[in-house]
Amino acid sequence: MEIVRAIKCEKCGHLMEMPIKKEEPKPKKERKRKLVRWKDSEVQYLKDYYAVSGAETIAKALSKTTSSVANKASQLGLKRKATAERTLS
């Protein structure tokens, strides 16, 4: 079943039926993530301070997201010290 609409002719005034084209939805554009590599100095900072500072503090210091810091620490096999050990240091 074709969808039509009535349009009035400007010259004579009679009604004409015009088919309505159904527009195809535009495909959504995929967002491209910008790959930001870690500098050697940032990795070293992470290794030096992750155990005592944690992801939030390091993220602020390096201007990175907390999840980025946590993911990199996980990739490097870094762990946080236990709470009691951090408070005694």
N, C-alpha and C. Protein backbone atom coordinates (compact mmCIF):
# COMPACT_ATOMS: atom_id res chain seq x y z
N MET A 1 0.85 -1.17 0.00
CA MET A 1 0.00 0.00 0.00
C MET A 1 0.90 1.24 0.00
N GLU A 2 0.71 2.05 -0.98
CA GLU A 2 1.50 3.26 -1.12
C GLU A 2 0.81 4.41 -0.41
N ILE A 3 1.58 5.18 0.30
CA ILE A 3 1.02 6.34 1.00
C ILE A 3 1.06 7.52 0.05
N VAL A 4 -0.08 8.23 -0.05
CA VAL A 4 -0.17 9.41 -0.93
C VAL A 4 -0.71 10.58 -0.15
N ARG A 5 -0.48 11.76 -0.68
CA ARG A 5 -1.08 12.95 -0.08
C ARG A 5 -1.69 13.79 -1.20
N ALA A 6 -2.68 14.54 -0.85
CA ALA A 6 -3.36 15.37 -1.85
C ALA A 6 -2.73 16.76 -1.86
N ILE A 7 -2.42 17.23 -3.07
CA ILE A 7 -1.84 18.56 -3.24
C ILE A 7 -2.73 19.32 -4.21
N LYS A 8 -3.03 20.57 -3.87
CA LYS A 8 -3.88 21.41 -4.72
C LYS A 8 -3.03 22.07 -5.81
N CYS A 9 -3.45 21.96 -7.05
CA CYS A 9 -2.75 22.55 -8.17
C CYS A 9 -2.90 24.08 -8.10
N GLU A 10 -1.80 24.80 -8.24
CA GLU A 10 -1.83 26.26 -8.15
C GLU A 10 -2.55 26.89 -9.35
N LYS A 11 -2.46 26.28 -10.52
CA LYS A 11 -3.05 26.85 -11.73
C LYS A 11 -4.57 26.67 -11.78
N CYS A 12 -5.02 25.42 -11.66
CA CYS A 12 -6.45 25.16 -11.86
C CYS A 12 -7.21 24.84 -10.58
N GLY A 13 -6.52 24.51 -9.50
CA GLY A 13 -7.17 24.28 -8.21
C GLY A 13 -7.62 22.86 -7.97
N HIS A 14 -7.43 21.94 -8.93
CA HIS A 14 -7.86 20.56 -8.67
C HIS A 14 -6.82 19.84 -7.80
N LEU A 15 -7.27 18.79 -7.14
CA LEU A 15 -6.41 18.04 -6.23
C LEU A 15 -5.65 16.95 -6.98
N MET A 16 -4.38 16.84 -6.69
CA MET A 16 -3.55 15.78 -7.27
C MET A 16 -3.03 14.91 -6.13
N GLU A 17 -2.94 13.63 -6.41
CA GLU A 17 -2.38 12.72 -5.42
C GLU A 17 -0.90 12.52 -5.72
N MET A 18 -0.07 12.77 -4.71
CA MET A 18 1.37 12.64 -4.85
C MET A 18 1.86 11.56 -3.88
N PRO A 19 2.65 10.62 -4.37
CA PRO A 19 3.17 9.60 -3.45
C PRO A 19 4.17 10.23 -2.48
N ILE A 20 4.14 9.75 -1.27
CA ILE A 20 5.07 10.21 -0.24
C ILE A 20 6.21 9.20 -0.16
N LYS A 21 7.40 9.69 -0.38
CA LYS A 21 8.56 8.81 -0.28
C LYS A 21 8.91 8.60 1.18
N LYS A 22 9.08 7.36 1.53
CA LYS A 22 9.46 7.04 2.89
C LYS A 22 10.98 7.11 2.98
N GLU A 23 11.47 8.00 3.80
CA GLU A 23 12.92 8.17 3.93
C GLU A 23 13.51 7.07 4.79
N GLU A 24 14.61 6.57 4.31
CA GLU A 24 15.33 5.57 5.07
C GLU A 24 16.05 6.27 6.23
N PRO A 25 16.02 5.67 7.42
CA PRO A 25 16.75 6.29 8.53
C PRO A 25 18.25 6.28 8.25
N LYS A 26 18.88 7.37 8.61
CA LYS A 26 20.32 7.46 8.40
C LYS A 26 21.04 6.54 9.40
N PRO A 27 22.05 5.85 8.92
CA PRO A 27 22.79 4.99 9.86
C PRO A 27 23.52 5.86 10.88
N LYS A 28 23.55 5.36 12.11
CA LYS A 28 24.23 6.10 13.17
C LYS A 28 25.73 6.05 12.94
N LYS A 29 26.35 7.19 13.14
CA LYS A 29 27.80 7.25 13.00
C LYS A 29 28.44 6.66 14.25
N GLU A 30 29.44 5.86 14.02
CA GLU A 30 30.18 5.31 15.15
C GLU A 30 31.14 6.35 15.67
N ARG A 31 31.13 6.50 17.00
CA ARG A 31 32.09 7.44 17.59
C ARG A 31 33.46 6.80 17.59
N LYS A 32 34.40 7.55 17.12
CA LYS A 32 35.77 7.06 17.13
C LYS A 32 36.43 7.54 18.41
N ARG A 33 36.95 6.61 19.15
CA ARG A 33 37.67 6.99 20.37
C ARG A 33 39.08 7.39 20.00
N LYS A 34 39.51 8.43 20.63
CA LYS A 34 40.88 8.87 20.41
C LYS A 34 41.79 8.04 21.31
N LEU A 35 42.70 7.34 20.70
CA LEU A 35 43.63 6.50 21.45
C LEU A 35 44.75 7.37 22.00
N VAL A 36 44.81 7.43 23.31
CA VAL A 36 45.85 8.22 23.97
C VAL A 36 46.83 7.26 24.62
N ARG A 37 48.03 7.27 24.13
CA ARG A 37 49.07 6.39 24.67
C ARG A 37 49.63 6.97 25.96
N TRP A 38 50.02 6.07 26.84
CA TRP A 38 50.65 6.47 28.08
C TRP A 38 52.12 6.75 27.83
N LYS A 39 52.60 7.86 28.35
CA LYS A 39 54.03 8.18 28.25
C LYS A 39 54.78 7.34 29.29
N ASP A 40 56.05 7.12 29.02
CA ASP A 40 56.88 6.35 29.96
C ASP A 40 56.90 6.98 31.34
N SER A 41 56.95 8.30 31.39
CA SER A 41 56.98 9.01 32.68
C SER A 41 55.66 8.82 33.44
N GLU A 42 54.53 8.75 32.72
CA GLU A 42 53.23 8.53 33.37
C GLU A 42 53.14 7.11 33.92
N VAL A 43 53.64 6.15 33.17
CA VAL A 43 53.64 4.76 33.63
C VAL A 43 54.51 4.62 34.87
N GLN A 44 55.66 5.28 34.87
CA GLN A 44 56.55 5.22 36.03
C GLN A 44 55.90 5.85 37.26
N TYR A 45 55.21 6.98 37.06
CA TYR A 45 54.49 7.64 38.16
C TYR A 45 53.42 6.70 38.71
N LEU A 46 52.71 6.04 37.82
CA LEU A 46 51.68 5.09 38.23
C LEU A 46 52.29 3.96 39.05
N LYS A 47 53.39 3.40 38.58
CA LYS A 47 54.06 2.30 39.30
C LYS A 47 54.53 2.76 40.68
N ASP A 48 55.05 4.00 40.76
CA ASP A 48 55.60 4.50 42.02
C ASP A 48 54.52 4.80 43.06
N TYR A 49 53.37 5.30 42.63
CA TYR A 49 52.40 5.81 43.59
C TYR A 49 51.08 5.06 43.67
N TYR A 50 50.80 4.12 42.79
CA TYR A 50 49.49 3.46 42.79
C TYR A 50 49.22 2.71 44.09
N ALA A 51 50.21 2.05 44.62
CA ALA A 51 50.01 1.24 45.82
C ALA A 51 49.56 2.07 47.02
N VAL A 52 50.01 3.32 47.11
CA VAL A 52 49.67 4.14 48.27
C VAL A 52 48.63 5.22 47.97
N SER A 53 48.55 5.67 46.73
CA SER A 53 47.65 6.79 46.41
C SER A 53 46.31 6.35 45.86
N GLY A 54 46.31 5.39 44.96
CA GLY A 54 45.06 4.95 44.35
C GLY A 54 44.77 5.67 43.05
N ALA A 55 43.75 5.19 42.36
CA ALA A 55 43.44 5.64 41.01
C ALA A 55 42.94 7.09 40.96
N GLU A 56 42.10 7.49 41.91
CA GLU A 56 41.55 8.86 41.87
C GLU A 56 42.62 9.92 41.97
N THR A 57 43.51 9.78 42.92
CA THR A 57 44.57 10.77 43.13
C THR A 57 45.51 10.83 41.93
N ILE A 58 45.87 9.68 41.42
CA ILE A 58 46.78 9.64 40.27
C ILE A 58 46.09 10.19 39.03
N ALA A 59 44.81 9.91 38.86
CA ALA A 59 44.06 10.42 37.71
C ALA A 59 44.08 11.95 37.68
N LYS A 60 43.90 12.56 38.85
CA LYS A 60 43.95 14.02 38.92
C LYS A 60 45.35 14.54 38.59
N ALA A 61 46.36 13.86 39.11
CA ALA A 61 47.73 14.31 38.91
C ALA A 61 48.16 14.19 37.44
N LEU A 62 47.65 13.17 36.75
CA LEU A 62 48.06 12.93 35.36
C LEU A 62 47.04 13.44 34.34
N SER A 63 45.97 14.04 34.81
CA SER A 63 44.89 14.53 33.93
C SER A 63 44.32 13.40 33.07
N LYS A 64 43.99 12.31 33.73
CA LYS A 64 43.38 11.15 33.06
C LYS A 64 42.13 10.76 33.83
N THR A 65 41.32 9.91 33.24
CA THR A 65 40.13 9.45 33.95
C THR A 65 40.53 8.38 34.97
N THR A 66 39.70 8.25 35.99
CA THR A 66 39.95 7.25 37.02
C THR A 66 39.94 5.85 36.42
N SER A 67 39.01 5.60 35.50
CA SER A 67 38.94 4.27 34.89
C SER A 67 40.17 3.99 34.03
N SER A 68 40.71 5.01 33.37
CA SER A 68 41.92 4.84 32.57
C SER A 68 43.09 4.43 33.46
N VAL A 69 43.22 5.08 34.59
CA VAL A 69 44.30 4.77 35.53
C VAL A 69 44.12 3.37 36.11
N ALA A 70 42.89 3.04 36.50
CA ALA A 70 42.62 1.72 37.07
C ALA A 70 42.89 0.61 36.04
N ASN A 71 42.49 0.86 34.79
CA ASN A 71 42.73 -0.14 33.73
C ASN A 71 44.21 -0.35 33.48
N LYS A 72 44.96 0.75 33.43
CA LYS A 72 46.40 0.65 33.18
C LYS A 72 47.09 -0.07 34.34
N ALA A 73 46.68 0.23 35.56
CA ALA A 73 47.25 -0.43 36.73
C ALA A 73 46.97 -1.93 36.68
N SER A 74 45.78 -2.29 36.25
CA SER A 74 45.42 -3.70 36.13
C SER A 74 46.27 -4.38 35.06
N GLN A 75 46.48 -3.69 33.93
CA GLN A 75 47.32 -4.24 32.86
C GLN A 75 48.74 -4.48 33.34
N LEU A 76 49.22 -3.60 34.22
CA LEU A 76 50.58 -3.71 34.73
C LEU A 76 50.68 -4.65 35.93
N GLY A 77 49.52 -5.13 36.41
CA GLY A 77 49.51 -6.04 37.55
C GLY A 77 49.74 -5.34 38.88
N LEU A 78 49.45 -4.05 38.95
CA LEU A 78 49.66 -3.29 40.18
C LEU A 78 48.51 -3.51 41.14
N LYS A 79 48.81 -3.55 42.43
CA LYS A 79 47.81 -3.72 43.48
C LYS A 79 47.95 -2.61 44.50
N ARG A 80 46.83 -2.30 45.17
CA ARG A 80 46.88 -1.33 46.26
C ARG A 80 47.34 -2.04 47.52
N LYS A 81 48.01 -1.31 48.40
CA LYS A 81 48.39 -1.87 49.70
C LYS A 81 47.15 -1.96 50.57
N ALA A 82 47.17 -2.85 51.55
CA ALA A 82 46.05 -2.95 52.48
C ALA A 82 45.89 -1.64 53.23
N THR A 83 44.70 -1.32 53.68
CA THR A 83 44.42 -0.05 54.35
C THR A 83 45.30 0.15 55.58
N ALA A 84 45.49 -0.88 56.38
CA ALA A 84 46.30 -0.76 57.58
C ALA A 84 47.75 -0.41 57.24
N GLU A 85 48.27 -1.01 56.18
CA GLU A 85 49.64 -0.74 55.76
C GLU A 85 49.79 0.70 55.28
N ARG A 86 48.76 1.22 54.58
CA ARG A 86 48.82 2.59 54.06
C ARG A 86 48.83 3.61 55.20
N THR A 87 48.03 3.36 56.24
CA THR A 87 47.95 4.31 57.34
C THR A 87 49.19 4.29 58.21
N LEU A 88 49.89 3.17 58.29
CA LEU A 88 51.08 3.07 59.11
C LEU A 88 52.30 3.65 58.41
N SER A 89 52.28 3.75 57.09
CA SER A 89 53.47 4.22 56.34
C SER A 89 53.70 5.69 56.57
